PDB file of N, CA and C in Angstrom:
ATOM      1  N   MET A   1       9.946 -12.303 -16.982  1.00  0.00           N
ATOM      2  CA  MET A   1       9.159 -13.358 -16.398  1.00  0.00           C
ATOM      3  C   MET A   1       8.882 -14.453 -17.429  1.00  0.00           C
ATOM      4  N   THR A   2       8.612 -14.056 -18.662  1.00  0.00           N
ATOM      5  CA  THR A   2       8.322 -15.034 -19.710  1.00  0.00           C
ATOM      6  C   THR A   2       9.525 -15.931 -19.976  1.00  0.00           C
ATOM      7  N   VAL A   3      10.695 -15.325 -20.114  1.00  0.00           N
ATOM      8  CA  VAL A   3      11.910 -16.109 -20.381  1.00  0.00           C
ATOM      9  C   VAL A   3      12.189 -17.046 -19.212  1.00  0.00           C
ATOM     10  N   ARG A   4      12.030 -16.565 -17.988  1.00  0.00           N
ATOM     11  CA  ARG A   4      12.258 -17.414 -16.816  1.00  0.00           C
ATOM     12  C   ARG A   4      11.287 -18.586 -16.785  1.00  0.00           C
ATOM     13  N   ALA A   5      10.012 -18.329 -17.108  1.00  0.00           N
ATOM     14  CA  ALA A   5       9.014 -19.409 -17.114  1.00  0.00           C
ATOM     15  C   ALA A   5       9.338 -20.441 -18.187  1.00  0.00           C
ATOM     16  N   CYS A   6       9.769 -19.974 -19.357  1.00  0.00           N
ATOM     17  CA  CYS A   6      10.120 -20.911 -20.436  1.00  0.00           C
ATOM     18  C   CYS A   6      11.343 -21.741 -20.058  1.00  0.00           C
ATOM     19  N   ARG A   7      12.338 -21.102 -19.499  1.00  0.00           N
ATOM     20  CA  ARG A   7      13.544 -21.842 -19.080  1.00  0.00           C
ATOM     21  C   ARG A   7      13.199 -22.879 -18.017  1.00  0.00           C
ATOM     22  N   ALA A   8      12.308 -22.530 -17.108  1.00  0.00           N
ATOM     23  CA  ALA A   8      11.888 -23.491 -16.081  1.00  0.00           C
ATOM     24  C   ALA A   8      11.162 -24.675 -16.710  1.00  0.00           C
ATOM     25  N   ALA A   9      10.523 -24.450 -17.865  1.00  0.00           N
ATOM     26  CA  ALA A   9       9.834 -25.525 -18.580  1.00  0.00           C
ATOM     27  C   ALA A   9      10.782 -26.305 -19.484  1.00  0.00           C
ATOM     28  N   GLY A  10      12.046 -25.892 -19.558  1.00  0.00           N
ATOM     29  CA  GLY A  10      13.040 -26.665 -20.290  1.00  0.00           C
ATOM     30  C   GLY A  10      13.430 -26.143 -21.657  1.00  0.00           C
ATOM     31  N   PHE A  11      13.061 -24.922 -21.999  1.00  0.00           N
ATOM     32  CA  PHE A  11      13.482 -24.381 -23.292  1.00  0.00           C
ATOM     33  C   PHE A  11      13.705 -22.875 -23.184  1.00  0.00           C
ATOM     34  N   THR A  12      14.428 -22.333 -24.139  1.00  0.00           N
ATOM     35  CA  THR A  12      14.653 -20.893 -24.205  1.00  0.00           C
ATOM     36  C   THR A  12      13.905 -20.350 -25.421  1.00  0.00           C
ATOM     37  N   PRO A  13      13.008 -19.391 -25.209  1.00  0.00           N
ATOM     38  CA  PRO A  13      12.232 -18.876 -26.343  1.00  0.00           C
ATOM     39  C   PRO A  13      13.099 -18.011 -27.261  1.00  0.00           C
ATOM     40  N   ARG A  14      12.680 -17.932 -28.508  1.00  0.00           N
ATOM     41  CA  ARG A  14      13.325 -17.020 -29.459  1.00  0.00           C
ATOM     42  C   ARG A  14      12.489 -15.736 -29.468  1.00  0.00           C
ATOM     43  N   VAL A  15      12.981 -14.714 -28.813  1.00  0.00           N
ATOM     44  CA  VAL A  15      12.241 -13.456 -28.674  1.00  0.00           C
ATOM     45  C   VAL A  15      12.377 -12.658 -29.961  1.00  0.00           C
ATOM     46  N   ARG A  16      11.232 -12.349 -30.582  1.00  0.00           N
ATOM     47  CA  ARG A  16      11.227 -11.571 -31.822  1.00  0.00           C
ATOM     48  C   ARG A  16      10.735 -10.153 -31.590  1.00  0.00           C
ATOM     49  N   HIS A  17       9.870  -9.980 -30.627  1.00  0.00           N
ATOM     50  CA  HIS A  17       9.331  -8.661 -30.306  1.00  0.00           C
ATOM     51  C   HIS A  17       9.360  -8.494 -28.794  1.00  0.00           C
ATOM     52  N   GLN A  18       9.570  -7.279 -28.349  1.00  0.00           N
ATOM     53  CA  GLN A  18       9.512  -6.995 -26.926  1.00  0.00           C
ATOM     54  C   GLN A  18       8.676  -5.735 -26.754  1.00  0.00           C
ATOM     55  N   VAL A  19       7.484  -5.917 -26.190  1.00  0.00           N
ATOM     56  CA  VAL A  19       6.515  -4.837 -26.072  1.00  0.00           C
ATOM     57  C   VAL A  19       6.015  -4.797 -24.636  1.00  0.00           C
ATOM     58  N   ASP A  20       5.900  -3.597 -24.077  1.00  0.00           N
ATOM     59  CA  ASP A  20       5.439  -3.451 -22.697  1.00  0.00           C
ATOM     60  C   ASP A  20       3.955  -3.112 -22.583  1.00  0.00           C
ATOM     61  N   GLU A  21       3.291  -2.886 -23.698  1.00  0.00           N
ATOM     62  CA  GLU A  21       1.889  -2.482 -23.685  1.00  0.00           C
ATOM     63  C   GLU A  21       1.060  -3.688 -24.114  1.00  0.00           C
ATOM     64  N   PHE A  22       0.212  -4.192 -23.209  1.00  0.00           N
ATOM     65  CA  PHE A  22      -0.418  -5.491 -23.416  1.00  0.00           C
ATOM     66  C   PHE A  22      -1.420  -5.517 -24.564  1.00  0.00           C
ATOM     67  N   ALA A  23      -2.099  -4.421 -24.862  1.00  0.00           N
ATOM     68  CA  ALA A  23      -3.002  -4.405 -26.014  1.00  0.00           C
ATOM     69  C   ALA A  23      -2.206  -4.631 -27.300  1.00  0.00           C
ATOM     70  N   THR A  24      -1.009  -4.064 -27.369  1.00  0.00           N
ATOM     71  CA  THR A  24      -0.147  -4.272 -28.539  1.00  0.00           C
ATOM     72  C   THR A  24       0.336  -5.715 -28.597  1.00  0.00           C
ATOM     73  N   VAL A  25       0.679  -6.279 -27.456  1.00  0.00           N
ATOM     74  CA  VAL A  25       1.097  -7.685 -27.398  1.00  0.00           C
ATOM     75  C   VAL A  25      -0.015  -8.570 -27.950  1.00  0.00           C
ATOM     76  N   LEU A  26      -1.241  -8.349 -27.512  1.00  0.00           N
ATOM     77  CA  LEU A  26      -2.369  -9.159 -27.971  1.00  0.00           C
ATOM     78  C   LEU A  26      -2.633  -8.944 -29.460  1.00  0.00           C
ATOM     79  N   ALA A  27      -2.426  -7.721 -29.952  1.00  0.00           N
ATOM     80  CA  ALA A  27      -2.587  -7.452 -31.385  1.00  0.00           C
ATOM     81  C   ALA A  27      -1.544  -8.210 -32.199  1.00  0.00           C
ATOM     82  N   LEU A  28      -0.311  -8.276 -31.709  1.00  0.00           N
ATOM     83  CA  LEU A  28       0.732  -9.042 -32.398  1.00  0.00           C
ATOM     84  C   LEU A  28       0.372 -10.525 -32.437  1.00  0.00           C
ATOM     85  N   VAL A  29      -0.131 -11.055 -31.339  1.00  0.00           N
ATOM     86  CA  VAL A  29      -0.560 -12.452 -31.312  1.00  0.00           C
ATOM     87  C   VAL A  29      -1.684 -12.671 -32.328  1.00  0.00           C
ATOM     88  N   ALA A  30      -2.620 -11.737 -32.393  1.00  0.00           N
ATOM     89  CA  ALA A  30      -3.775 -11.874 -33.293  1.00  0.00           C
ATOM     90  C   ALA A  30      -3.370 -11.957 -34.755  1.00  0.00           C
ATOM     91  N   VAL A  31      -2.250 -11.322 -35.123  1.00  0.00           N
ATOM     92  CA  VAL A  31      -1.813 -11.351 -36.525  1.00  0.00           C
ATOM     93  C   VAL A  31      -0.734 -12.405 -36.762  1.00  0.00           C
ATOM     94  N   GLY A  32      -0.597 -13.346 -35.816  1.00  0.00           N
ATOM     95  CA  GLY A  32       0.294 -14.480 -36.026  1.00  0.00           C
ATOM     96  C   GLY A  32       1.754 -14.237 -35.738  1.00  0.00           C
ATOM     97  N   GLN A  33       2.062 -13.238 -34.946  1.00  0.00           N
ATOM     98  CA  GLN A  33       3.455 -12.937 -34.634  1.00  0.00           C
ATOM     99  C   GLN A  33       3.915 -13.603 -33.337  1.00  0.00           C
ATOM    100  N   GLY A  34       3.500 -14.831 -33.099  1.00  0.00           N
ATOM    101  CA  GLY A  34       3.991 -15.593 -31.966  1.00  0.00           C
ATOM    102  C   GLY A  34       2.975 -15.757 -30.860  1.00  0.00           C
ATOM    103  N   VAL A  35       3.495 -16.083 -29.708  1.00  0.00           N
ATOM    104  CA  VAL A  35       2.694 -16.263 -28.497  1.00  0.00           C
ATOM    105  C   VAL A  35       3.251 -15.331 -27.434  1.00  0.00           C
ATOM    106  N   ALA A  36       2.481 -15.113 -26.384  1.00  0.00           N
ATOM    107  CA  ALA A  36       2.918 -14.202 -25.326  1.00  0.00           C
ATOM    108  C   ALA A  36       2.355 -14.645 -23.996  1.00  0.00           C
ATOM    109  N   VAL A  37       3.038 -14.278 -22.948  1.00  0.00           N
ATOM    110  CA  VAL A  37       2.534 -14.443 -21.592  1.00  0.00           C
ATOM    111  C   VAL A  37       2.045 -13.066 -21.168  1.00  0.00           C
ATOM    112  N   VAL A  38       0.758 -12.985 -20.840  1.00  0.00           N
ATOM    113  CA  VAL A  38       0.136 -11.704 -20.502  1.00  0.00           C
ATOM    114  C   VAL A  38      -0.531 -11.853 -19.140  1.00  0.00           C
ATOM    115  N   PRO A  39      -0.281 -10.939 -18.212  1.00  0.00           N
ATOM    116  CA  PRO A  39      -0.970 -11.040 -16.923  1.00  0.00           C
ATOM    117  C   PRO A  39      -2.462 -10.790 -17.095  1.00  0.00           C
ATOM    118  N   GLN A  40      -3.255 -11.392 -16.239  1.00  0.00           N
ATOM    119  CA  GLN A  40      -4.710 -11.245 -16.338  1.00  0.00           C
ATOM    120  C   GLN A  40      -5.114  -9.780 -16.282  1.00  0.00           C
ATOM    121  N   LEU A  41      -4.443  -8.990 -15.467  1.00  0.00           N
ATOM    122  CA  LEU A  41      -4.773  -7.574 -15.376  1.00  0.00           C
ATOM    123  C   LEU A  41      -4.409  -6.816 -16.651  1.00  0.00           C
ATOM    124  N   GLY A  42      -3.613  -7.439 -17.539  1.00  0.00           N
ATOM    125  CA  GLY A  42      -3.252  -6.816 -18.805  1.00  0.00           C
ATOM    126  C   GLY A  42      -4.292  -7.007 -19.887  1.00  0.00           C
ATOM    127  N   VAL A  43      -5.280  -7.861 -19.641  1.00  0.00           N
ATOM    128  CA  VAL A  43      -6.354  -8.094 -20.610  1.00  0.00           C
ATOM    129  C   VAL A  43      -7.547  -7.260 -20.136  1.00  0.00           C
ATOM    130  N   THR A  44      -7.696  -6.084 -20.725  1.00  0.00           N
ATOM    131  CA  THR A  44      -8.699  -5.137 -20.237  1.00  0.00           C
ATOM    132  C   THR A  44      -9.980  -5.118 -21.061  1.00  0.00           C
ATOM    133  N   GLY A  45     -10.024  -5.869 -22.134  1.00  0.00           N
ATOM    134  CA  GLY A  45     -11.220  -5.897 -22.970  1.00  0.00           C
ATOM    135  C   GLY A  45     -11.209  -7.129 -23.838  1.00  0.00           C
ATOM    136  N   PRO A  46     -12.101  -7.165 -24.814  1.00  0.00           N
ATOM    137  CA  PRO A  46     -12.123  -8.327 -25.721  1.00  0.00           C
ATOM    138  C   PRO A  46     -10.798  -8.452 -26.476  1.00  0.00           C
ATOM    139  N   THR A  47     -10.349  -9.675 -26.682  1.00  0.00           N
ATOM    140  CA  THR A  47      -9.071  -9.881 -27.356  1.00  0.00           C
ATOM    141  C   THR A  47      -9.206  -9.894 -28.865  1.00  0.00           C
ATOM    142  N   GLY A  48     -10.387 -10.098 -29.374  1.00  0.00           N
ATOM    143  CA  GLY A  48     -10.579 -10.123 -30.819  1.00  0.00           C
ATOM    144  C   GLY A  48     -10.353 -11.511 -31.385  1.00  0.00           C
ATOM    145  N   PRO A  49     -10.652 -11.657 -32.674  1.00  0.00           N
ATOM    146  CA  PRO A  49     -10.498 -12.977 -33.304  1.00  0.00           C
ATOM    147  C   PRO A  49      -9.024 -13.371 -33.402  1.00  0.00           C
ATOM    148  N   GLY A  50      -8.784 -14.660 -33.332  1.00  0.00           N
ATOM    149  CA  GLY A  50      -7.424 -15.155 -33.488  1.00  0.00           C
ATOM    150  C   GLY A  50      -6.619 -15.235 -32.209  1.00  0.00           C
ATOM    151  N   VAL A  51      -7.198 -14.842 -31.085  1.00  0.00           N
ATOM    152  CA  VAL A  51      -6.467 -14.881 -29.810  1.00  0.00           C
ATOM    153  C   VAL A  51      -7.227 -15.773 -28.842  1.00  0.00           C
ATOM    154  N   SER A  52      -6.541 -16.767 -28.303  1.00  0.00           N
ATOM    155  CA  SER A  52      -7.097 -17.617 -27.254  1.00  0.00           C
ATOM    156  C   SER A  52      -6.297 -17.385 -25.983  1.00  0.00           C
ATOM    157  N   LEU A  53      -6.987 -17.293 -24.868  1.00  0.00           N
ATOM    158  CA  LEU A  53      -6.328 -17.112 -23.578  1.00  0.00           C
ATOM    159  C   LEU A  53      -6.442 -18.398 -22.777  1.00  0.00           C
ATOM    160  N   VAL A  54      -5.328 -18.854 -22.224  1.00  0.00           N
ATOM    161  CA  VAL A  54      -5.277 -20.061 -21.411  1.00  0.00           C
ATOM    162  C   VAL A  54      -4.645 -19.683 -20.084  1.00  0.00           C
ATOM    163  N   ARG A  55      -5.301 -20.038 -18.995  1.00  0.00           N
ATOM    164  CA  ARG A  55      -4.771 -19.719 -17.667  1.00  0.00           C
ATOM    165  C   ARG A  55      -3.560 -20.609 -17.369  1.00  0.00           C
ATOM    166  N   LEU A  56      -2.479 -20.003 -16.925  1.00  0.00           N
ATOM    167  CA  LEU A  56      -1.270 -20.733 -16.549  1.00  0.00           C
ATOM    168  C   LEU A  56      -1.236 -20.938 -15.043  1.00  0.00           C
ATOM    169  N   HIS A  57      -0.578 -21.983 -14.634  1.00  0.00           N
ATOM    170  CA  HIS A  57      -0.413 -22.247 -13.202  1.00  0.00           C
ATOM    171  C   HIS A  57       0.910 -21.650 -12.750  1.00  0.00           C
ATOM    172  N   MET A  58       0.984 -20.334 -12.802  1.00  0.00           N
ATOM    173  CA  MET A  58       2.160 -19.621 -12.313  1.00  0.00           C
ATOM    174  C   MET A  58       1.667 -18.301 -11.762  1.00  0.00           C
ATOM    175  N   GLU A  59       2.412 -17.747 -10.863  1.00  0.00           N
ATOM    176  CA  GLU A  59       2.022 -16.466 -10.304  1.00  0.00           C
ATOM    177  C   GLU A  59       3.250 -15.602 -10.073  1.00  0.00           C
ATOM    178  N   ARG A  60       2.988 -14.349  -9.997  1.00  0.00           N
ATOM    179  CA  ARG A  60       4.038 -13.377  -9.719  1.00  0.00           C
ATOM    180  C   ARG A  60       3.541 -12.515  -8.564  1.00  0.00           C
ATOM    181  N   ARG A  61       4.281 -12.497  -7.529  1.00  0.00           N
ATOM    182  CA  ARG A  61       3.867 -11.722  -6.358  1.00  0.00           C
ATOM    183  C   ARG A  61       4.444 -10.319  -6.440  1.00  0.00           C
ATOM    184  N   THR A  62       3.624  -9.360  -6.051  1.00  0.00           N
ATOM    185  CA  THR A  62       4.032  -7.960  -6.045  1.00  0.00           C
ATOM    186  C   THR A  62       3.940  -7.455  -4.620  1.00  0.00           C
ATOM    187  N   LYS A  63       4.926  -6.729  -4.209  1.00  0.00           N
ATOM    188  CA  LYS A  63       4.980  -6.211  -2.843  1.00  0.00           C
ATOM    189  C   LYS A  63       4.790  -4.700  -2.839  1.00  0.00           C
ATOM    190  N   ILE A  64       4.289  -4.172  -1.742  1.00  0.00           N
ATOM    191  CA  ILE A  64       4.194  -2.735  -1.526  1.00  0.00           C
ATOM    192  C   ILE A  64       5.361  -2.363  -0.613  1.00  0.00           C
ATOM    193  N   ALA A  65       6.173  -1.429  -1.043  1.00  0.00           N
ATOM    194  CA  ALA A  65       7.327  -1.008  -0.239  1.00  0.00           C
ATOM    195  C   ALA A  65       7.065   0.383   0.338  1.00  0.00           C
ATOM    196  N   PHE A  66       7.373   0.531   1.605  1.00  0.00           N
ATOM    197  CA  PHE A  66       7.279   1.836   2.251  1.00  0.00           C
ATOM    198  C   PHE A  66       8.320   1.892   3.362  1.00  0.00           C
ATOM    199  N   ARG A  67       8.618   3.103   3.807  1.00  0.00           N
ATOM    200  CA  ARG A  67       9.645   3.304   4.830  1.00  0.00           C
ATOM    201  C   ARG A  67       9.235   2.616   6.133  1.00  0.00           C
ATOM    202  N   SER A  68      10.179   2.003   6.806  1.00  0.00           N
ATOM    203  CA  SER A  68       9.911   1.329   8.079  1.00  0.00           C
ATOM    204  C   SER A  68       9.199   2.279   9.032  1.00  0.00           C
ATOM    205  N   GLY A  69       8.152   1.778   9.668  1.00  0.00           N
ATOM    206  CA  GLY A  69       7.393   2.565  10.627  1.00  0.00           C
ATOM    207  C   GLY A  69       6.293   3.412  10.008  1.00  0.00           C
ATOM    208  N   ALA A  70       6.218   3.447   8.670  1.00  0.00           N
ATOM    209  CA  ALA A  70       5.225   4.303   8.010  1.00  0.00           C
ATOM    210  C   ALA A  70       3.951   3.553   7.642  1.00  0.00           C
ATOM    211  N   GLY A  71       3.844   2.285   8.006  1.00  0.00           N
ATOM    212  CA  GLY A  71       2.682   1.485   7.633  1.00  0.00           C
ATOM    213  C   GLY A  71       1.369   2.020   8.154  1.00  0.00           C
ATOM    214  N   ALA A  72       1.394   2.721   9.276  1.00  0.00           N
ATOM    215  CA  ALA A  72       0.162   3.255   9.844  1.00  0.00           C
ATOM    216  C   ALA A  72      -0.180   4.648   9.306  1.00  0.00           C
ATOM    217  N   HIS A  73       0.700   5.226   8.502  1.00  0.00           N
ATOM    218  CA  HIS A  73       0.435   6.560   7.946  1.00  0.00           C
ATOM    219  C   HIS A  73      -0.824   6.496   7.076  1.00  0.00           C
ATOM    220  N   PRO A  74      -1.720   7.474   7.198  1.00  0.00           N
ATOM    221  CA  PRO A  74      -2.974   7.436   6.434  1.00  0.00           C
ATOM    222  C   PRO A  74      -2.780   7.290   4.918  1.00  0.00           C
ATOM    223  N   ALA A  75      -1.774   7.929   4.347  1.00  0.00           N
ATOM    224  CA  ALA A  75      -1.561   7.824   2.897  1.00  0.00           C
ATOM    225  C   ALA A  75      -1.125   6.415   2.513  1.00  0.00           C
ATOM    226  N   VAL A  76      -0.257   5.807   3.314  1.00  0.00           N
ATOM    227  CA  VAL A  76       0.200   4.439   3.032  1.00  0.00           C
ATOM    228  C   VAL A  76      -0.966   3.466   3.192  1.00  0.00           C
ATOM    229  N   ALA A  77      -1.738   3.626   4.248  1.00  0.00           N
ATOM    230  CA  ALA A  77      -2.887   2.750   4.477  1.00  0.00           C
ATOM    231  C   ALA A  77      -3.917   2.893   3.353  1.00  0.00           C
ATOM    232  N   ALA A  78      -4.172   4.120   2.903  1.00  0.00           N
ATOM    233  CA  ALA A  78      -5.142   4.343   1.823  1.00  0.00           C
ATOM    234  C   ALA A  78      -4.646   3.743   0.511  1.00  0.00           C
ATOM    235  N   PHE A  79      -3.362   3.911   0.231  1.00  0.00           N
ATOM    236  CA  PHE A  79      -2.779   3.349  -0.989  1.00  0.00           C
ATOM    237  C   PHE A  79      -2.873   1.828  -0.980  1.00  0.00           C
ATOM    238  N   THR A  80      -2.518   1.222   0.130  1.00  0.00           N
ATOM    239  CA  THR A  80      -2.579  -0.230   0.268  1.00  0.00           C
ATOM    240  C   THR A  80      -4.013  -0.733   0.113  1.00  0.00           C
ATOM    241  N   ALA A  81      -4.956  -0.058   0.746  1.00  0.00           N
ATOM    242  CA  ALA A  81      -6.365  -0.461   0.641  1.00  0.00           C
ATOM    243  C   ALA A  81      -6.863  -0.330  -0.797  1.00  0.00           C
ATOM    244  N   ALA A  82      -6.474   0.741  -1.477  1.00  0.00           N
ATOM    245  CA  ALA A  82      -6.921   0.946  -2.865  1.00  0.00           C
ATOM    246  C   ALA A  82      -6.376  -0.149  -3.780  1.00  0.00           C
ATOM    247  N   LEU A  83      -5.117  -0.525  -3.602  1.00  0.00           N
ATOM    248  CA  LEU A  83      -4.546  -1.595  -4.424  1.00  0.00           C
ATOM    249  C   LEU A  83      -5.246  -2.923  -4.167  1.00  0.00           C
ATOM    250  N   ARG A  84      -5.468  -3.231  -2.913  1.00  0.00           N
ATOM    251  CA  ARG A  84      -6.146  -4.494  -2.590  1.00  0.00           C
ATOM    252  C   ARG A  84      -7.572  -4.511  -3.124  1.00  0.00           C
ATOM    253  N   ALA A  85      -8.251  -3.371  -3.106  1.00  0.00           N
ATOM    254  CA  ALA A  85      -9.618  -3.294  -3.618  1.00  0.00           C
ATOM    255  C   ALA A  85      -9.656  -3.448  -5.136  1.00  0.00           C
ATOM    256  N   ALA A  86      -8.558  -3.121  -5.811  1.00  0.00           N
ATOM    257  CA  ALA A  86      -8.517  -3.188  -7.273  1.00  0.00           C
ATOM    258  C   ALA A  86      -8.290  -4.603  -7.795  1.00  0.00           C
ATOM    259  N   VAL A  87      -7.896  -5.523  -6.937  1.00  0.00           N
ATOM    260  CA  VAL A  87      -7.636  -6.899  -7.369  1.00  0.00           C
ATOM    261  C   VAL A  87      -8.965  -7.587  -7.653  1.00  0.00           C
ATOM    262  N   PRO A  88      -9.130  -8.138  -8.854  1.00  0.00           N
ATOM    263  CA  PRO A  88     -10.377  -8.848  -9.169  1.00  0.00           C
ATOM    264  C   PRO A  88     -10.612  -9.996  -8.185  1.00  0.00           C
ATOM    265  N   PRO A  89     -11.880 -10.276  -7.860  1.00  0.00           N
ATOM    266  CA  PRO A  89     -12.189 -11.310  -6.856  1.00  0.00           C
ATOM    267  C   PRO A  89     -11.580 -12.678  -7.151  1.00  0.00           C
ATOM    268  N   ASP A  90     -11.512 -13.094  -8.430  1.00  0.00           N
ATOM    269  CA  ASP A  90     -10.961 -14.410  -8.723  1.00  0.00           C
ATOM    270  C   ASP A  90      -9.462 -14.465  -8.446  1.00  0.00           C
ATOM    271  N   LEU A  91      -8.760 -13.352  -8.613  1.00  0.00           N
ATOM    272  CA  LEU A  91      -7.333 -13.338  -8.294  1.00  0.00           C
ATOM    273  C   LEU A  91      -7.122 -13.273  -6.781  1.00  0.00           C
ATOM    274  N   ALA A  92      -7.961 -12.538  -6.076  1.00  0.00           N
ATOM    275  CA  ALA A  92      -7.851 -12.481  -4.624  1.00  0.00           C
ATOM    276  C   ALA A  92      -8.116 -13.845  -4.022  1.00  0.00           C
ATOM    277  N   ALA A  93      -9.084 -14.578  -4.570  1.00  0.00           N
ATOM    278  CA  ALA A  93      -9.400 -15.926  -4.061  1.00  0.00           C
ATOM    279  C   ALA A  93      -8.241 -16.867  -4.333  1.00  0.00           C
ATOM    280  N   ALA A  94      -7.637 -16.764  -5.517  1.00  0.00           N
ATOM    281  CA  ALA A  94      -6.494 -17.620  -5.854  1.00  0.00           C
ATOM    282  C   ALA A  94      -5.332 -17.333  -4.926  1.00  0.00           C
ATOM    283  N   ARG A  95      -5.128 -16.066  -4.579  1.00  0.00           N
ATOM    284  CA  ARG A  95      -4.041 -15.694  -3.677  1.00  0.00           C
ATOM    285  C   ARG A  95      -4.288 -16.257  -2.280  1.00  0.00           C
ATOM    286  N   ALA A  96      -5.527 -16.237  -1.821  1.00  0.00           N
ATOM    287  CA  ALA A  96      -5.853 -16.739  -0.493  1.00  0.00           C
ATOM    288  C   ALA A  96      -5.675 -18.241  -0.394  1.00  0.00           C
ATOM    289  N   GLU A  97      -5.842 -18.954  -1.530  1.00  0.00           N
ATOM    290  CA  GLU A  97      -5.690 -20.417  -1.532  1.00  0.00           C
ATOM    291  C   GLU A  97      -4.231 -20.852  -1.464  1.00  0.00           C
ATOM    292  N   SER A  98      -3.326 -20.001  -1.969  1.00  0.00           N
ATOM    293  CA  SER A  98      -1.914 -20.412  -2.010  1.00  0.00           C
ATOM    294  C   SER A  98      -1.192 -20.113  -0.717  1.00  0.00           C
TER     295      SER A  98
END
């Protein structure tokens, strides 16, 4: 997603590190090892000194996949409800506006 966003902005980033754990990504940023695109849900606590967070005007949509006809199954309905309940209110409001 980061490379695609950079290319859409007109440049290709030079990737030096590739990390899937967001606390580690933020730690690398804090010690001057570049910049990163981190989803809001990936910031679970204080970022510490040396890290500034700026909201980007981009979004990534995530879908729930289930077998056709299974949408009314209690487990699918409960899973869907739990995921929707876990979305922070500011992200849910942003989604409703778009």
